[in-house]
Amino acid sequence: ATLQTPEGGSSGVVTAVAFAADGKQPASGTD
């Protein structure tokens, strides 16, 4: 199931994702 779809941050492509060690904070890189 989808838990979250964070909004914003990209004009077209989200290039990468990673989780922090606590699992509470994912990060993403964008175009």
PDB file of all heavy atoms in Angstrom:
ATOM      1  N   ALA A   1       0.833  -1.206   0.000  1.00  0.00           N
ATOM      2  CA  ALA A   1       0.000   0.000   0.000  1.00  0.00           C
ATOM      3  C   ALA A   1       0.865   1.252   0.000  1.00  0.00           C
ATOM      4  O   ALA A   1       1.943   1.281   0.595  1.00  0.00           O
ATOM      5  CB  ALA A   1      -0.913   0.008   1.218  1.00  0.00           C
ATOM      6  N   THR A   2       0.385   2.312  -0.682  1.00  0.00           N
ATOM      7  CA  THR A   2       1.054   3.606  -0.638  1.00  0.00           C
ATOM      8  C   THR A   2       0.778   4.267   0.702  1.00  0.00           C
ATOM      9  O   THR A   2      -0.382   4.437   1.093  1.00  0.00           O
ATOM     10  CB  THR A   2       0.555   4.525  -1.765  1.00  0.00           C
ATOM     11  OG1 THR A   2       0.811   3.916  -3.032  1.00  0.00           O
ATOM     12  CG2 THR A   2       1.249   5.878  -1.715  1.00  0.00           C
ATOM     13  N   LEU A   3       1.839   4.630   1.414  1.00  0.00           N
ATOM     14  CA  LEU A   3       1.701   5.308   2.698  1.00  0.00           C
ATOM     15  C   LEU A   3       1.727   6.821   2.531  1.00  0.00           C
ATOM     16  O   LEU A   3       0.971   7.532   3.187  1.00  0.00           O
ATOM     17  CB  LEU A   3       2.824   4.874   3.648  1.00  0.00           C
ATOM     18  CG  LEU A   3       2.895   3.380   3.975  1.00  0.00           C
ATOM     19  CD1 LEU A   3       4.120   3.089   4.826  1.00  0.00           C
ATOM     20  CD2 LEU A   3       1.625   2.938   4.689  1.00  0.00           C
ATOM     21  N   GLN A   4       2.596   7.314   1.673  1.00  0.00           N
ATOM     22  CA  GLN A   4       2.735   8.744   1.440  1.00  0.00           C
ATOM     23  C   GLN A   4       3.160   8.994   0.006  1.00  0.00           C
ATOM     24  O   GLN A   4       3.901   8.187  -0.580  1.00  0.00           O
ATOM     25  CB  GLN A   4       3.779   9.376   2.372  1.00  0.00           C
ATOM     26  CG  GLN A   4       3.433   9.381   3.837  1.00  0.00           C
ATOM     27  CD  GLN A   4       2.292  10.317   4.179  1.00  0.00           C
ATOM     28  OE1 GLN A   4       1.941  11.212   3.406  1.00  0.00           O
ATOM     29  NE2 GLN A   4       1.690  10.109   5.335  1.00  0.00           N
ATOM     30  N   THR A   5       2.697  10.109  -0.532  1.00  0.00           N
ATOM     31  CA  THR A   5       3.212  10.633  -1.795  1.00  0.00           C
ATOM     32  C   THR A   5       3.588  12.088  -1.549  1.00  0.00           C
ATOM     33  O   THR A   5       2.765  12.982  -1.717  1.00  0.00           O
ATOM     34  CB  THR A   5       2.168  10.539  -2.930  1.00  0.00           C
ATOM     35  OG1 THR A   5       1.718   9.198  -3.037  1.00  0.00           O
ATOM     36  CG2 THR A   5       2.767  10.961  -4.260  1.00  0.00           C
ATOM     37  N   PRO A   6       4.815  12.331  -1.071  1.00  0.00           N
ATOM     38  CA  PRO A   6       5.221  13.709  -0.794  1.00  0.00           C
ATOM     39  C   PRO A   6       5.106  14.588  -2.026  1.00  0.00           C
ATOM     40  O   PRO A   6       5.443  14.170  -3.139  1.00  0.00           O
ATOM     41  CB  PRO A   6       6.678  13.568  -0.352  1.00  0.00           C
ATOM     42  CG  PRO A   6       6.782  12.160   0.142  1.00  0.00           C
ATOM     43  CD  PRO A   6       5.861  11.375  -0.745  1.00  0.00           C
ATOM     44  N   GLU A   7       4.615  15.784  -1.830  1.00  0.00           N
ATOM     45  CA  GLU A   7       4.370  16.696  -2.948  1.00  0.00           C
ATOM     46  C   GLU A   7       5.547  17.632  -3.142  1.00  0.00           C
ATOM     47  O   GLU A   7       6.233  18.019  -2.199  1.00  0.00           O
ATOM     48  CB  GLU A   7       3.102  17.524  -2.693  1.00  0.00           C
ATOM     49  CG  GLU A   7       1.830  16.696  -2.618  1.00  0.00           C
ATOM     50  CD  GLU A   7       1.474  16.046  -3.942  1.00  0.00           C
ATOM     51  OE1 GLU A   7       1.804  16.625  -4.990  1.00  0.00           O
ATOM     52  OE2 GLU A   7       0.882  14.951  -3.918  1.00  0.00           O
ATOM     53  N   GLY A   8       5.766  18.010  -4.395  1.00  0.00           N
ATOM     54  CA  GLY A   8       6.726  19.065  -4.703  1.00  0.00           C
ATOM     55  C   GLY A   8       8.146  18.566  -4.853  1.00  0.00           C
ATOM     56  O   GLY A   8       8.454  17.404  -4.649  1.00  0.00           O
ATOM     57  N   GLY A   9       9.015  19.479  -5.257  1.00  0.00           N
ATOM     58  CA  GLY A   9      10.434  19.205  -5.316  1.00  0.00           C
ATOM     59  C   GLY A   9      10.990  18.923  -6.692  1.00  0.00           C
ATOM     60  O   GLY A   9      12.182  18.957  -6.893  1.00  0.00           O
ATOM     61  N   SER A  10      10.136  18.645  -7.661  1.00  0.00           N
ATOM     62  CA  SER A  10      10.638  18.277  -8.980  1.00  0.00           C
ATOM     63  C   SER A  10       9.868  19.004 -10.065  1.00  0.00           C
ATOM     64  O   SER A  10       8.668  19.218  -9.959  1.00  0.00           O
ATOM     65  CB  SER A  10      10.487  16.766  -9.190  1.00  0.00           C
ATOM     66  OG  SER A  10      10.738  16.418 -10.529  1.00  0.00           O
ATOM     67  N   SER A  11      10.579  19.359 -11.125  1.00  0.00           N
ATOM     68  CA  SER A  11       9.909  19.938 -12.290  1.00  0.00           C
ATOM     69  C   SER A  11       9.645  18.872 -13.343  1.00  0.00           C
ATOM     70  O   SER A  11       9.124  19.174 -14.404  1.00  0.00           O
ATOM     71  CB  SER A  11      10.770  21.061 -12.889  1.00  0.00           C
ATOM     72  OG  SER A  11      12.012  20.551 -13.340  1.00  0.00           O
ATOM     73  N   GLY A  12       9.998  17.627 -13.035  1.00  0.00           N
ATOM     74  CA  GLY A  12       9.752  16.574 -13.998  1.00  0.00           C
ATOM     75  C   GLY A  12      10.269  15.216 -13.596  1.00  0.00           C
ATOM     76  O   GLY A  12       9.639  14.212 -13.842  1.00  0.00           O
ATOM     77  N   VAL A  13      11.434  15.172 -12.922  1.00  0.00           N
ATOM     78  CA  VAL A  13      12.046  13.900 -12.582  1.00  0.00           C
ATOM     79  C   VAL A  13      12.610  13.948 -11.161  1.00  0.00           C
ATOM     80  O   VAL A  13      13.335  14.869 -10.805  1.00  0.00           O
ATOM     81  CB  VAL A  13      13.199  13.550 -13.554  1.00  0.00           C
ATOM     82  CG1 VAL A  13      13.834  12.218 -13.171  1.00  0.00           C
ATOM     83  CG2 VAL A  13      12.705  13.510 -14.992  1.00  0.00           C
ATOM     84  N   VAL A  14      12.246  12.940 -10.360  1.00  0.00           N
ATOM     85  CA  VAL A  14      12.925  12.704  -9.083  1.00  0.00           C
ATOM     86  C   VAL A  14      13.944  11.604  -9.350  1.00  0.00           C
ATOM     87  O   VAL A  14      13.577  10.473  -9.645  1.00  0.00           O
ATOM     88  CB  VAL A  14      11.940  12.296  -7.972  1.00  0.00           C
ATOM     89  CG1 VAL A  14      12.697  12.066  -6.661  1.00  0.00           C
ATOM     90  CG2 VAL A  14      10.867  13.361  -7.777  1.00  0.00           C
ATOM     91  N   THR A  15      15.197  11.956  -9.292  1.00  0.00           N
ATOM     92  CA  THR A  15      16.254  11.100  -9.808  1.00  0.00           C
ATOM     93  C   THR A  15      16.718  10.016  -8.850  1.00  0.00           C
ATOM     94  O   THR A  15      17.242   8.998  -9.284  1.00  0.00           O
ATOM     95  CB  THR A  15      17.470  11.961 -10.180  1.00  0.00           C
ATOM     96  OG1 THR A  15      17.853  12.714  -9.018  1.00  0.00           O
ATOM     97  CG2 THR A  15      17.151  12.921 -11.315  1.00  0.00           C
ATOM     98  N   ALA A  16      16.564  10.244  -7.544  1.00  0.00           N
ATOM     99  CA  ALA A  16      17.141   9.315  -6.573  1.00  0.00           C
ATOM    100  C   ALA A  16      16.426   9.428  -5.243  1.00  0.00           C
ATOM    101  O   ALA A  16      15.918  10.501  -4.896  1.00  0.00           O
ATOM    102  CB  ALA A  16      18.628   9.618  -6.391  1.00  0.00           C
ATOM    103  N   VAL A  17      16.410   8.317  -4.496  1.00  0.00           N
ATOM    104  CA  VAL A  17      15.859   8.323  -3.135  1.00  0.00           C
ATOM    105  C   VAL A  17      16.788   7.537  -2.221  1.00  0.00           C
ATOM    106  O   VAL A  17      17.502   6.630  -2.661  1.00  0.00           O
ATOM    107  CB  VAL A  17      14.437   7.723  -3.070  1.00  0.00           C
ATOM    108  CG1 VAL A  17      13.430   8.650  -3.717  1.00  0.00           C
ATOM    109  CG2 VAL A  17      14.382   6.335  -3.684  1.00  0.00           C
ATOM    110  N   ALA A  18      16.776   7.894  -0.931  1.00  0.00           N
ATOM    111  CA  ALA A  18      17.563   7.185   0.083  1.00  0.00           C
ATOM    112  C   ALA A  18      16.913   7.416   1.436  1.00  0.00           C
ATOM    113  O   ALA A  18      16.307   8.476   1.666  1.00  0.00           O
ATOM    114  CB  ALA A  18      19.006   7.686   0.098  1.00  0.00           C
ATOM    115  N   PHE A  19      17.031   6.448   2.332  1.00  0.00           N
ATOM    116  CA  PHE A  19      16.516   6.581   3.690  1.00  0.00           C
ATOM    117  C   PHE A  19      17.647   6.879   4.660  1.00  0.00           C
ATOM    118  O   PHE A  19      18.754   6.340   4.518  1.00  0.00           O
ATOM    119  CB  PHE A  19      15.835   5.287   4.149  1.00  0.00           C
ATOM    120  CG  PHE A  19      14.360   5.218   3.881  1.00  0.00           C
ATOM    121  CD1 PHE A  19      13.880   4.546   2.772  1.00  0.00           C
ATOM    122  CD2 PHE A  19      13.450   5.811   4.747  1.00  0.00           C
ATOM    123  CE1 PHE A  19      12.522   4.453   2.523  1.00  0.00           C
ATOM    124  CE2 PHE A  19      12.085   5.731   4.507  1.00  0.00           C
ATOM    125  CZ  PHE A  19      11.620   5.054   3.394  1.00  0.00           C
ATOM    126  N   ALA A  20      17.350   7.684   5.681  1.00  0.00           N
ATOM    127  CA  ALA A  20      18.264   7.853   6.800  1.00  0.00           C
ATOM    128  C   ALA A  20      18.218   6.617   7.681  1.00  0.00           C
ATOM    129  O   ALA A  20      17.308   5.789   7.585  1.00  0.00           O
ATOM    130  CB  ALA A  20      17.876   9.090   7.609  1.00  0.00           C
ATOM    131  N   ALA A  21      19.194   6.495   8.567  1.00  0.00           N
ATOM    132  CA  ALA A  21      19.344   5.295   9.385  1.00  0.00           C
ATOM    133  C   ALA A  21      18.152   5.042  10.295  1.00  0.00           C
ATOM    134  O   ALA A  21      17.851   3.889  10.617  1.00  0.00           O
ATOM    135  CB  ALA A  21      20.619   5.398  10.220  1.00  0.00           C
ATOM    136  N   ASP A  22      17.448   6.088  10.702  1.00  0.00           N
ATOM    137  CA  ASP A  22      16.293   5.896  11.586  1.00  0.00           C
ATOM    138  C   ASP A  22      15.027   5.537  10.819  1.00  0.00           C
ATOM    139  O   ASP A  22      13.994   5.234  11.428  1.00  0.00           O
ATOM    140  CB  ASP A  22      16.045   7.131  12.455  1.00  0.00           C
ATOM    141  CG  ASP A  22      15.706   8.383  11.648  1.00  0.00           C
ATOM    142  OD1 ASP A  22      15.554   8.303  10.408  1.00  0.00           O
ATOM    143  OD2 ASP A  22      15.589   9.450  12.278  1.00  0.00           O
ATOM    144  N   GLY A  23      15.092   5.564   9.496  1.00  0.00           N
ATOM    145  CA  GLY A  23      13.936   5.211   8.681  1.00  0.00           C
ATOM    146  C   GLY A  23      12.842   6.250   8.638  1.00  0.00           C
ATOM    147  O   GLY A  23      11.826   6.055   7.973  1.00  0.00           O
ATOM    148  N   LYS A  24      13.049   7.367   9.295  1.00  0.00           N
ATOM    149  CA  LYS A  24      11.996   8.375   9.413  1.00  0.00           C
ATOM    150  C   LYS A  24      12.102   9.464   8.358  1.00  0.00           C
ATOM    151  O   LYS A  24      11.144  10.202   8.137  1.00  0.00           O
ATOM    152  CB  LYS A  24      12.026   9.004  10.802  1.00  0.00           C
ATOM    153  CG  LYS A  24      11.719   8.033  11.930  1.00  0.00           C
ATOM    154  CD  LYS A  24      11.801   8.709  13.283  1.00  0.00           C
ATOM    155  CE  LYS A  24      11.481   7.735  14.411  1.00  0.00           C
ATOM    156  NZ  LYS A  24      11.587   8.370  15.748  1.00  0.00           N
ATOM    157  N   GLN A  25      13.278   9.571   7.736  1.00  0.00           N
ATOM    158  CA  GLN A  25      13.516  10.692   6.833  1.00  0.00           C
ATOM    159  C   GLN A  25      14.122  10.224   5.516  1.00  0.00           C
ATOM    160  O   GLN A  25      15.339  10.083   5.405  1.00  0.00           O
ATOM    161  CB  GLN A  25      14.438  11.722   7.497  1.00  0.00           C
ATOM    162  CG  GLN A  25      13.865  12.354   8.742  1.00  0.00           C
ATOM    163  CD  GLN A  25      14.804  13.376   9.351  1.00  0.00           C
ATOM    164  OE1 GLN A  25      15.862  13.668   8.819  1.00  0.00           O
ATOM    165  NE2 GLN A  25      14.405  13.922  10.471  1.00  0.00           N
ATOM    166  N   PRO A  26      13.315   9.990   4.501  1.00  0.00           N
ATOM    167  CA  PRO A  26      13.879   9.741   3.179  1.00  0.00           C
ATOM    168  C   PRO A  26      14.330  11.051   2.528  1.00  0.00           C
ATOM    169  O   PRO A  26      13.806  12.133   2.856  1.00  0.00           O
ATOM    170  CB  PRO A  26      12.724   9.119   2.405  1.00  0.00           C
ATOM    171  CG  PRO A  26      11.498   9.615   3.089  1.00  0.00           C
ATOM    172  CD  PRO A  26      11.859   9.844   4.530  1.00  0.00           C
ATOM    173  N   ALA A  27      15.297  10.948   1.650  1.00  0.00           N
ATOM    174  CA  ALA A  27      15.754  12.101   0.875  1.00  0.00           C
ATOM    175  C   ALA A  27      15.578  11.804  -0.597  1.00  0.00           C
ATOM    176  O   ALA A  27      15.544  10.648  -1.016  1.00  0.00           O
ATOM    177  CB  ALA A  27      17.219  12.405   1.166  1.00  0.00           C
ATOM    178  N   SER A  28      15.468  12.859  -1.395  1.00  0.00           N
ATOM    179  CA  SER A  28      15.342  12.694  -2.839  1.00  0.00           C
ATOM    180  C   SER A  28      16.135  13.768  -3.556  1.00  0.00           C
ATOM    181  O   SER A  28      16.264  14.896  -3.075  1.00  0.00           O
ATOM    182  CB  SER A  28      13.872  12.756  -3.269  1.00  0.00           C
ATOM    183  OG  SER A  28      13.287  13.998  -2.917  1.00  0.00           O
ATOM    184  N   GLY A  29      16.667  13.401  -4.722  1.00  0.00           N
ATOM    185  CA  GLY A  29      17.325  14.357  -5.600  1.00  0.00           C
ATOM    186  C   GLY A  29      16.426  14.621  -6.796  1.00  0.00           C
ATOM    187  O   GLY A  29      15.649  13.742  -7.201  1.00  0.00           O
ATOM    188  N   THR A  30      16.529  15.823  -7.375  1.00  0.00           N
ATOM    189  CA  THR A  30      15.600  16.190  -8.434  1.00  0.00           C
ATOM    190  C   THR A  30      16.299  16.862  -9.611  1.00  0.00           C
ATOM    191  O   THR A  30      17.442  17.317  -9.517  1.00  0.00           O
ATOM    192  CB  THR A  30      14.520  17.180  -7.914  1.00  0.00           C
ATOM    193  OG1 THR A  30      15.093  18.499  -7.807  1.00  0.00           O
ATOM    194  CG2 THR A  30      13.961  16.746  -6.579  1.00  0.00           C
ATOM    195  N   ASP A  31      15.532  16.950 -10.715  1.00  0.00           N
ATOM    196  CA  ASP A  31      16.004  17.663 -11.894  1.00  0.00           C
ATOM    197  C   ASP A  31      15.869  19.168 -11.742  1.00  0.00           C
ATOM    198  O   ASP A  31      16.247  19.915 -12.641  1.00  0.00           O
ATOM    199  CB  ASP A  31      15.254  17.183 -13.134  1.00  0.00           C
ATOM    200  CG  ASP A  31      13.772  17.521 -13.100  1.00  0.00           C
ATOM    201  OD1 ASP A  31      13.249  17.839 -12.007  1.00  0.00           O
ATOM    202  OD2 ASP A  31      13.118  17.476 -14.153  1.00  0.00           O
TER     203      ASP A  31
END
